[in-house]
Every structure is written in C-alpha cells, then in structure tokens.
Amino acid sequence: GGGHERGMRSGTLNVPGIVGFGKACELCRESMADEGQRVLRLRERLKDLIFTQLDEVYLNGHPVHRLPGNLNVSFAYVEGESLLMGLNGSVHPIAASASLPPIAVSSGSACTSATLEPSYVLKALGVGDDLAHTSIRFGIGRFNTDEEIDYVAERVVAEVRRLRELSPLYEMAKEGIDLKSVAWQRE
C-alpha cells in the first residue's frame, strides 16, 4: 500500500481474520481449562502405561510443571532414531505389513533435525548424552482420544521390547554387568 496512516499501517484490514481471531479467543477462554485437564489426563495415562510395562524408562523434565500435552521420555538401551522409525512404520516389519497407522513423535526439535547430536535442552536439564540419545517426545492435543493413547502405548512398549531384544548392551545390563566398567576396544 501507500503511505496512508502516517506510514505505519497502510492497506485494508482483514476483517474476517480479525473476527475469526476474536471467535477463536472466545472459544479458548470457554474451554481451555477443561481441555487442558483432559489433555493432562491423557498425558498421564500414556506415561503410566509406558512406565508400568517397561524398565529403564526415564521422564525428562519436571514431573508436574510442564505443558499438559508434552511428554518427553528416555528409553535406556534404545536409540531414539530407531524407535522413531519403528513407530512411524518405516522399518517395523509388522507395522508395514499390517498397515498400522504411523505414530508421529519426535526425537528432538525441528531446528536440530539435521544433526544426530543429543538435545541441548535435555543436556541443560542434566540428562546425560547416553539417555538424551534415547529420548522421544510425545505431543498430545485436543483431538487425541483415550483409544489413541492406548494404541500409542501398546506400540511403544512393543517396539522398545523389540529393539532391546537386539541390544547387546541391554542384555549385558540385565545380566548385572556394569557397562561403565567395561574396557571397550577399537579394532
């Protein structure tokens, strides 16, 4: 536009957009508290289902003071990228053959998706590199259901168990071997 409005904001206002934004704010005000509690309940359900069925699982972040729809978990002895690929169906033979819906999770932020470095956020929280590499972030929102949470938990538990069966480190840890005392050799 031209230099109308003293050069500060020229052009025609987006009235439908303004009205739509106002309505969105009104709907949020009416349902945000209840919806936040519902999403929190779903998050806790997912966490409980995973933590009661698997060992060596760690919650990343504060147990209470976190966003209702955020769950970040580390699964010891399971590479986060492998778990991610198994959950989205790209490598899991059962998921691919059964046409199971993929599960959209992440192993880090979008801005660091091109690197295999552990999450600097988790490191800042005091999570070691070994566990930071095993982390998966679940995002739960207003359109998720109890049935979806149950499905995700079932798939996560099955995939973690499958990957741990392939892990010599998990087997050694289960046998009581202190992995930090092992003298690893390069060939």
Protein backbone atom coordinates (compact mmCIF):
# COMPACT_ATOMS: atom_id res chain seq x y z
CA GLY A 1 0.00 0.00 0.00
CA GLY A 2 0.70 3.63 0.00
CA GLY A 3 1.84 5.79 2.82
CA HIS A 4 -1.58 6.01 4.49
CA GLU A 5 -1.93 6.06 8.26
CA ARG A 6 1.30 8.09 8.57
CA GLY A 7 3.31 5.24 7.02
CA MET A 8 2.59 2.95 9.99
CA ARG A 9 -0.01 0.52 8.63
CA SER A 10 -1.44 1.09 5.22
CA GLY A 11 -3.90 -1.18 3.46
CA THR A 12 -7.27 -2.71 4.15
CA LEU A 13 -7.78 -4.55 7.41
CA ASN A 14 -8.57 -8.26 7.24
CA VAL A 15 -11.98 -8.01 8.91
CA PRO A 16 -12.88 -11.72 8.53
CA GLY A 17 -9.50 -12.64 10.02
CA ILE A 18 -9.97 -10.24 12.91
CA VAL A 19 -13.46 -11.58 13.64
CA GLY A 20 -12.21 -15.17 13.34
CA PHE A 21 -9.36 -14.50 15.74
CA GLY A 22 -11.80 -12.95 18.21
CA LYS A 23 -14.05 -16.02 18.00
CA ALA A 24 -11.03 -18.32 18.46
CA CYS A 25 -10.06 -16.38 21.60
CA GLU A 26 -13.61 -16.66 22.90
CA LEU A 27 -13.66 -20.44 22.33
CA CYS A 28 -10.28 -20.81 24.03
CA ARG A 29 -11.45 -18.84 27.04
CA GLU A 30 -14.53 -21.06 27.35
CA SER A 31 -12.80 -24.43 27.03
CA MET A 32 -9.10 -24.02 27.75
CA ALA A 33 -9.15 -25.02 31.43
CA ASP A 34 -11.27 -28.14 30.88
CA GLU A 35 -9.39 -29.09 27.73
CA GLY A 36 -6.05 -28.62 29.48
CA GLN A 37 -7.15 -31.02 32.22
CA ARG A 38 -8.34 -33.57 29.64
CA VAL A 39 -5.03 -33.40 27.76
CA LEU A 40 -3.14 -33.66 31.07
CA ARG A 41 -5.13 -36.80 31.90
CA LEU A 42 -4.22 -38.29 28.50
CA ARG A 43 -0.54 -37.47 29.04
CA GLU A 44 -0.54 -39.11 32.46
CA ARG A 45 -2.35 -42.15 31.04
CA LEU A 46 0.33 -42.55 28.35
CA LYS A 47 3.12 -42.10 30.88
CA ASP A 48 1.60 -44.62 33.29
CA LEU A 49 1.00 -47.22 30.57
CA ILE A 50 4.60 -46.96 29.40
CA PHE A 51 6.26 -46.76 32.82
CA THR A 52 4.34 -49.72 34.28
CA GLN A 53 5.27 -52.04 31.40
CA LEU A 54 8.92 -51.16 30.77
CA ASP A 55 12.02 -50.87 32.91
CA GLU A 56 14.82 -48.35 32.43
CA VAL A 57 12.42 -45.58 31.31
CA TYR A 58 13.11 -42.02 32.44
CA LEU A 59 10.93 -38.91 32.43
CA ASN A 60 12.75 -35.87 31.07
CA GLY A 61 11.78 -32.59 32.66
CA HIS A 62 9.81 -31.70 35.73
CA PRO A 63 7.16 -34.29 36.69
CA VAL A 64 4.48 -31.65 37.38
CA HIS A 65 5.50 -28.25 35.99
CA ARG A 66 5.26 -28.97 32.27
CA LEU A 67 2.84 -28.35 29.44
CA PRO A 68 -0.18 -30.68 29.63
CA GLY A 69 0.41 -32.09 26.16
CA ASN A 70 4.16 -32.66 26.45
CA LEU A 71 5.76 -35.97 27.40
CA ASN A 72 9.48 -36.48 26.85
CA VAL A 73 10.81 -39.90 27.79
CA SER A 74 14.16 -41.68 27.50
CA PHE A 75 14.23 -45.42 26.91
CA ALA A 76 17.64 -46.72 28.01
CA TYR A 77 19.39 -49.04 25.54
CA VAL A 78 17.15 -47.99 22.65
CA GLU A 79 18.39 -45.45 20.12
CA GLY A 80 15.74 -42.74 19.79
CA GLU A 81 16.03 -42.61 15.99
CA SER A 82 15.46 -46.37 15.73
CA LEU A 83 12.40 -46.13 17.93
CA LEU A 84 11.16 -43.18 15.92
CA MET A 85 11.46 -45.10 12.65
CA GLY A 86 9.76 -48.14 14.15
CA LEU A 87 6.83 -46.09 15.39
CA ASN A 88 6.29 -44.26 12.12
CA GLY A 89 6.21 -47.59 10.29
CA SER A 90 9.24 -47.05 8.09
CA VAL A 91 11.24 -50.03 9.40
CA HIS A 92 8.91 -52.12 11.53
CA PRO A 93 8.02 -55.28 9.56
CA ILE A 94 4.79 -55.90 11.46
CA ALA A 95 3.64 -52.29 11.18
CA ALA A 96 4.42 -52.20 7.47
CA SER A 97 2.64 -55.47 6.69
CA ALA A 98 -0.36 -54.79 8.92
CA SER A 99 -0.79 -51.22 7.66
CA LEU A 100 -0.77 -49.89 11.20
CA PRO A 101 -1.17 -46.14 11.34
CA PRO A 102 2.12 -44.35 11.91
CA ILE A 103 2.73 -42.57 15.19
CA ALA A 104 4.01 -39.02 14.87
CA VAL A 105 6.64 -38.48 17.54
CA SER A 106 9.98 -36.69 17.51
CA SER A 107 13.43 -37.35 18.83
CA GLY A 108 14.36 -33.68 19.01
CA SER A 109 13.39 -30.21 17.94
CA ALA A 110 12.69 -29.39 14.31
CA CYS A 111 15.58 -26.91 14.24
CA THR A 112 18.09 -29.68 15.10
CA SER A 113 16.58 -32.47 12.99
CA ALA A 114 19.56 -32.49 10.61
CA THR A 115 22.04 -33.40 13.35
CA LEU A 116 22.49 -36.53 15.43
CA GLU A 117 23.80 -34.55 18.39
CA PRO A 118 21.88 -35.10 21.63
CA SER A 119 19.31 -32.47 22.55
CA TYR A 120 20.97 -29.42 24.07
CA VAL A 121 17.76 -28.83 26.04
CA LEU A 122 17.96 -32.27 27.67
CA LYS A 123 21.66 -31.75 28.33
CA ALA A 124 20.84 -28.41 30.01
CA LEU A 125 18.36 -30.31 32.21
CA GLY A 126 21.20 -32.60 33.30
CA VAL A 127 20.35 -35.59 31.11
CA GLY A 128 23.49 -37.42 30.01
CA ASP A 129 24.31 -37.98 26.35
CA ASP A 130 23.50 -41.69 26.59
CA LEU A 131 19.92 -41.05 27.73
CA ALA A 132 19.47 -37.92 25.61
CA HIS A 133 20.09 -40.08 22.53
CA THR A 134 17.28 -42.39 23.62
CA SER A 135 14.62 -39.73 24.10
CA ILE A 136 11.28 -39.46 22.34
CA ARG A 137 8.90 -36.52 22.62
CA PHE A 138 5.16 -37.15 22.51
CA GLY A 139 2.80 -34.29 21.73
CA ILE A 140 -0.79 -34.75 22.87
CA GLY A 141 -3.51 -32.38 21.75
CA ARG A 142 -7.18 -31.59 21.86
CA PHE A 143 -8.12 -34.05 19.12
CA ASN A 144 -6.43 -37.09 20.72
CA THR A 145 -8.54 -39.81 22.33
CA ASP A 146 -8.13 -42.44 25.04
CA GLU A 147 -8.12 -45.11 22.33
CA GLU A 148 -5.24 -43.40 20.53
CA ILE A 149 -3.27 -43.14 23.77
CA ASP A 150 -3.78 -46.86 24.40
CA TYR A 151 -2.69 -47.64 20.83
CA VAL A 152 0.44 -45.48 21.13
CA ALA A 153 1.39 -47.05 24.47
CA GLU A 154 0.92 -50.56 23.08
CA ARG A 155 3.07 -49.79 20.04
CA VAL A 156 5.77 -48.03 22.08
CA VAL A 157 6.05 -50.90 24.55
CA ALA A 158 6.20 -53.49 21.75
CA GLU A 159 8.78 -51.53 19.76
CA VAL A 160 11.02 -50.84 22.78
CA ARG A 161 10.92 -54.53 23.67
CA ARG A 162 11.74 -55.50 20.07
CA LEU A 163 14.69 -53.11 19.91
CA ARG A 164 16.00 -54.16 23.32
CA GLU A 165 15.98 -57.79 22.19
CA LEU A 166 18.50 -56.70 19.55
CA SER A 167 20.64 -54.73 22.03
CA PRO A 168 23.69 -56.48 23.49
CA LEU A 169 24.03 -53.57 25.94
CA TYR A 170 20.56 -54.19 27.36
CA GLU A 171 21.34 -57.89 27.69
CA MET A 172 24.62 -57.13 29.47
CA ALA A 173 22.91 -54.68 31.85
CA LYS A 174 20.21 -57.25 32.65
CA GLU A 175 22.97 -59.75 33.48
CA GLY A 176 24.33 -57.26 36.01
CA ILE A 177 27.38 -56.15 34.05
CA ASP A 178 28.40 -52.59 34.90
CA LEU A 179 28.73 -51.11 31.42
CA LYS A 180 30.79 -48.18 32.70
CA SER A 181 33.49 -50.58 33.89
CA VAL A 182 33.78 -52.45 30.57
CA ALA A 183 37.07 -51.79 28.77
CA TRP A 184 35.84 -51.27 25.21
CA GLN A 185 38.41 -51.79 22.46
CA ARG A 186 38.55 -50.38 18.97
CA GLU A 187 39.69 -52.57 16.14
